């Protein structure tokens, strides 16, 4: 079986970046005071581009990722996904856009333990309305891309930590999202396994033309991406 995945054309919406954050602000209440996490953060990511997001703990990396993934609303500023300005979308519209356009990878794989690797990829596709035959074909292609075709019938408990994370990466792009957001995707792995998982993550991003924003503390992996940006005092700075 070929390792290439046929990906639906992405909506470039007049050549707009896949992800654009403009002057995003976000604060949280701390008793009678406010903790200002993001202060005018701006970032643009194009199709097929891998961007590393770095910064110390508590600097706002996860908050930025949640806002980019439409899981939280900014207090001020704009979030654009493809050609869609999200500020005036209803909760239902935001959820639909998130489901169609954004994939997530977390530090812990969050696979469904009672289902096989293949089934973990089938479920999100079928929930999105894809016929089972088409979903199965795509799931098999994606597992082949991360070199797990022979492990398709294994449940997460039968897979190593690195294999589980590779399944999670394949699942994140199973619905052909425009954007992949990853929060420390190799943070729970030993260095050798982390490097292996990262190489598969890179290959799948390049193959599908997905725009990727990846939070990492691993400086060596960050250097292998197209750009490195840092959160400092609530702003995003180019390295």
Protein backbone atom coordinates (compact mmCIF):
# COMPACT_ATOMS: atom_id res chain seq x y z
CA UNK A 1 0.00 0.00 0.00
CA UNK A 2 1.24 3.48 -0.83
CA UNK A 3 2.10 5.73 2.10
CA UNK A 4 0.65 8.80 0.40
CA UNK A 5 -2.64 10.16 1.64
CA UNK A 6 -5.03 11.84 -0.75
CA UNK A 7 -5.99 15.04 1.04
CA UNK A 8 -8.98 17.17 0.07
CA UNK A 9 -8.03 20.60 -1.33
CA UNK A 10 -7.70 23.16 1.42
CA UNK A 11 -9.79 26.32 1.33
CA UNK A 12 -7.20 29.03 0.81
CA UNK A 13 -9.83 31.79 0.97
CA UNK A 14 -8.02 34.29 -1.20
CA UNK A 15 -4.61 32.96 -0.18
CA UNK A 16 -5.15 33.76 3.49
CA UNK A 17 -2.75 32.19 6.00
CA UNK A 18 -4.04 29.02 7.58
CA UNK A 19 -3.84 30.63 11.02
CA UNK A 20 -3.59 34.28 11.97
CA UNK A 21 -3.69 35.72 15.47
CA UNK A 22 -3.79 39.51 15.65
CA UNK A 23 -3.16 41.50 18.85
CA UNK A 24 -4.65 38.79 21.05
CA UNK A 25 -5.14 39.64 24.71
CA UNK A 26 -6.19 37.28 27.49
CA UNK A 27 -6.31 37.67 31.25
CA UNK A 28 -7.64 35.64 34.17
CA UNK A 29 -8.97 36.77 37.53
CA UNK A 30 -6.77 36.16 40.55
CA UNK A 31 -8.79 37.25 43.53
CA UNK A 32 -9.23 41.00 43.18
CA UNK A 33 -6.51 41.33 40.56
CA UNK A 34 -6.09 40.20 36.96
CA UNK A 35 -3.33 37.99 35.59
CA UNK A 36 -2.50 39.24 32.10
CA UNK A 37 -1.30 36.19 30.15
CA UNK A 38 -1.36 37.48 26.58
CA UNK A 39 -0.72 41.13 25.74
CA UNK A 40 -1.17 41.79 22.04
CA UNK A 41 0.17 38.45 20.80
CA UNK A 42 0.28 38.15 17.00
CA UNK A 43 1.25 35.18 14.84
CA UNK A 44 0.75 34.03 11.25
CA UNK A 45 1.27 30.47 9.99
CA UNK A 46 1.01 29.38 6.37
CA UNK A 47 0.07 26.04 4.84
CA UNK A 48 2.79 23.41 5.25
CA UNK A 49 4.71 25.50 7.80
CA UNK A 50 5.91 24.10 11.13
CA UNK A 51 6.30 26.68 13.88
CA UNK A 52 7.77 25.91 17.29
CA UNK A 53 6.29 27.81 20.24
CA UNK A 54 8.63 28.07 23.22
CA UNK A 55 8.65 29.86 26.53
CA UNK A 56 8.92 29.18 30.27
CA UNK A 57 6.16 27.47 32.21
CA UNK A 58 3.31 29.86 32.89
CA UNK A 59 4.14 32.13 29.97
CA UNK A 60 0.85 31.48 28.19
CA UNK A 61 1.73 28.80 25.64
CA UNK A 62 -1.24 26.57 26.42
CA UNK A 63 -3.57 29.57 26.57
CA UNK A 64 -2.40 30.67 23.15
CA UNK A 65 -2.91 27.15 21.80
CA UNK A 66 -6.43 27.02 23.24
CA UNK A 67 -7.31 30.35 21.63
CA UNK A 68 -5.81 29.29 18.30
CA UNK A 69 -7.84 26.07 18.53
CA UNK A 70 -11.08 27.97 19.27
CA UNK A 71 -11.35 26.35 22.69
CA UNK A 72 -11.18 29.74 24.40
CA UNK A 73 -12.12 33.24 23.30
CA UNK A 74 -9.61 36.08 23.53
CA UNK A 75 -10.56 39.15 25.56
CA UNK A 76 -9.47 41.28 22.62
CA UNK A 77 -7.87 40.72 19.24
CA UNK A 78 -8.74 38.54 16.27
CA UNK A 79 -8.38 34.87 15.39
CA UNK A 80 -8.59 33.89 11.73
CA UNK A 81 -8.73 30.23 10.65
CA UNK A 82 -8.12 29.96 6.93
CA UNK A 83 -10.26 32.73 5.47
CA UNK A 84 -12.72 32.72 8.35
CA UNK A 85 -12.81 35.47 10.94
CA UNK A 86 -14.04 33.77 14.10
CA UNK A 87 -15.06 36.69 16.33
CA UNK A 88 -18.75 36.66 15.40
CA UNK A 89 -19.22 32.91 15.11
CA UNK A 90 -21.71 31.22 17.42
CA UNK A 91 -20.56 28.43 19.72
CA UNK A 92 -22.03 25.90 17.29
CA UNK A 93 -20.25 27.50 14.32
CA UNK A 94 -16.96 27.58 16.23
CA UNK A 95 -17.32 23.90 17.11
CA UNK A 96 -18.02 23.02 13.48
CA UNK A 97 -15.01 25.02 12.25
CA UNK A 98 -12.81 23.44 14.90
CA UNK A 99 -13.97 19.95 13.95
CA UNK A 100 -13.41 20.56 10.23
CA UNK A 101 -10.21 22.61 10.27
CA UNK A 102 -8.17 21.91 13.42
CA UNK A 103 -6.43 18.81 14.73
CA UNK A 104 -4.97 18.46 18.23
CA UNK A 105 -2.07 16.41 19.61
CA UNK A 106 -1.39 16.44 23.34
CA UNK A 107 1.48 15.30 25.56
CA UNK A 108 -0.61 12.29 26.57
CA UNK A 109 -2.10 10.42 23.64
CA UNK A 110 -5.72 10.23 24.94
CA UNK A 111 -6.54 7.26 22.75
CA UNK A 112 -9.71 5.30 23.48
CA UNK A 113 -8.35 2.23 25.31
CA UNK A 114 -11.12 -0.19 24.30
CA UNK A 115 -10.62 0.39 20.57
CA UNK A 116 -7.83 -0.65 18.21
CA UNK A 117 -5.43 1.79 16.58
CA UNK A 118 -7.45 1.60 13.37
CA UNK A 119 -10.72 2.19 15.20
CA UNK A 120 -9.27 5.20 17.00
CA UNK A 121 -8.75 6.74 13.55
CA UNK A 122 -12.10 5.58 12.19
CA UNK A 123 -14.25 7.11 14.92
CA UNK A 124 -13.54 10.84 14.33
CA UNK A 125 -13.93 10.39 10.58
CA UNK A 126 -17.25 8.60 10.88
CA UNK A 127 -18.50 11.19 13.38
CA UNK A 128 -17.71 13.77 10.71
CA UNK A 129 -19.90 11.87 8.26
CA UNK A 130 -17.35 9.95 6.19
CA UNK A 131 -18.55 6.51 5.02
CA UNK A 132 -16.86 3.62 6.81
CA UNK A 133 -15.13 2.32 3.66
CA UNK A 134 -13.54 5.70 2.93
CA UNK A 135 -12.65 6.22 6.59
CA UNK A 136 -11.01 2.80 6.72
CA UNK A 137 -8.93 3.49 3.61
CA UNK A 138 -7.70 6.79 4.99
CA UNK A 139 -7.00 5.31 8.42
CA UNK A 140 -4.93 2.54 6.86
CA UNK A 141 -2.98 5.07 4.79
CA UNK A 142 -2.26 7.21 7.83
CA UNK A 143 -1.13 4.25 9.94
CA UNK A 144 1.17 3.25 7.09
CA UNK A 145 2.61 6.79 7.06
CA UNK A 146 3.57 6.46 10.73
CA UNK A 147 4.82 2.90 10.11
CA UNK A 148 2.12 1.20 12.16
CA UNK A 149 0.22 -0.66 9.44
CA UNK A 150 1.06 -3.97 11.11
CA UNK A 151 -0.25 -2.69 14.46
CA UNK A 152 -3.65 -1.53 13.21
CA UNK A 153 -5.55 -4.18 15.17
CA UNK A 154 -3.75 -3.54 18.46
CA UNK A 155 -5.34 -1.63 21.31
CA UNK A 156 -3.39 1.23 22.96
CA UNK A 157 -2.40 -0.98 25.90
CA UNK A 158 -0.63 -3.29 23.45
CA UNK A 159 1.43 -0.46 21.96
CA UNK A 160 4.56 1.26 23.25
CA UNK A 161 4.42 4.90 24.35
CA UNK A 162 5.97 6.05 21.09
CA UNK A 163 3.56 3.94 19.04
CA UNK A 164 0.59 5.33 20.95
CA UNK A 165 1.73 8.87 20.24
CA UNK A 166 2.19 8.08 16.55
CA UNK A 167 -1.40 6.81 16.46
CA UNK A 168 -2.48 10.05 18.16
CA UNK A 169 -0.72 12.07 15.48
CA UNK A 170 -2.40 10.06 12.73
CA UNK A 171 -5.77 10.54 14.45
CA UNK A 172 -5.21 14.30 14.68
CA UNK A 173 -4.95 14.60 10.90
CA UNK A 174 -7.55 11.93 10.06
CA UNK A 175 -10.13 14.56 9.08
CA UNK A 176 -7.61 16.46 6.92
CA UNK A 177 -7.45 19.61 9.10
CA UNK A 178 -5.87 22.81 7.81
CA UNK A 179 -4.18 23.36 11.16
CA UNK A 180 -2.44 21.04 13.61
CA UNK A 181 -1.92 22.23 17.18
CA UNK A 182 0.41 20.16 19.35
CA UNK A 183 1.10 20.70 23.05
CA UNK A 184 4.38 19.02 24.02
CA UNK A 185 3.70 16.02 21.74
CA UNK A 186 7.02 14.37 22.69
CA UNK A 187 7.25 15.64 26.27
CA UNK A 188 6.32 12.29 27.81
CA UNK A 189 8.85 10.27 25.80
CA UNK A 190 12.52 9.40 26.15
CA UNK A 191 14.88 11.29 23.79
CA UNK A 192 15.26 8.50 21.24
CA UNK A 193 11.52 7.83 21.06
CA UNK A 194 10.80 11.57 20.98
CA UNK A 195 13.06 11.98 17.95
CA UNK A 196 11.32 9.08 16.22
CA UNK A 197 7.84 10.45 16.91
CA UNK A 198 8.90 13.92 15.77
CA UNK A 199 10.21 12.56 12.47
CA UNK A 200 6.81 10.95 11.83
CA UNK A 201 5.04 14.13 12.85
CA UNK A 202 7.17 16.13 10.41
CA UNK A 203 6.57 13.68 7.58
CA UNK A 204 2.82 13.72 7.99
CA UNK A 205 2.70 17.54 8.15
CA UNK A 206 4.83 17.87 5.01
CA UNK A 207 2.79 15.24 3.18
CA UNK A 208 -0.57 16.85 3.95
CA UNK A 209 0.43 20.53 3.73
CA UNK A 210 -0.93 21.20 7.20
CA UNK A 211 0.01 24.36 9.11
CA UNK A 212 1.44 23.31 12.48
CA UNK A 213 1.97 25.16 15.75
CA UNK A 214 3.92 22.98 18.17
CA UNK A 215 4.62 23.80 21.81
CA UNK A 216 7.87 22.24 22.94
CA UNK A 217 10.60 22.57 25.56
CA UNK A 218 12.95 20.49 23.42
CA UNK A 219 15.32 23.00 21.86
CA UNK A 220 16.82 20.46 19.45
CA UNK A 221 13.40 19.63 18.00
CA UNK A 222 12.46 23.31 17.87
CA UNK A 223 15.51 24.06 15.72
CA UNK A 224 14.33 21.51 13.15
CA UNK A 225 11.12 23.42 12.47
CA UNK A 226 10.67 26.25 9.98
CA UNK A 227 10.45 28.95 12.63
CA UNK A 228 10.76 29.32 16.38
CA UNK A 229 8.65 31.90 18.20
CA UNK A 230 8.81 32.74 21.89
CA UNK A 231 6.18 34.02 24.29
CA UNK A 232 7.66 36.69 26.50
CA UNK A 233 5.66 39.01 28.74
CA UNK A 234 2.51 38.14 26.86
CA UNK A 235 3.86 38.89 23.39
CA UNK A 236 5.13 36.63 20.61
CA UNK A 237 8.69 37.26 19.47
CA UNK A 238 10.42 35.73 16.47
CA UNK A 239 13.66 33.93 17.39
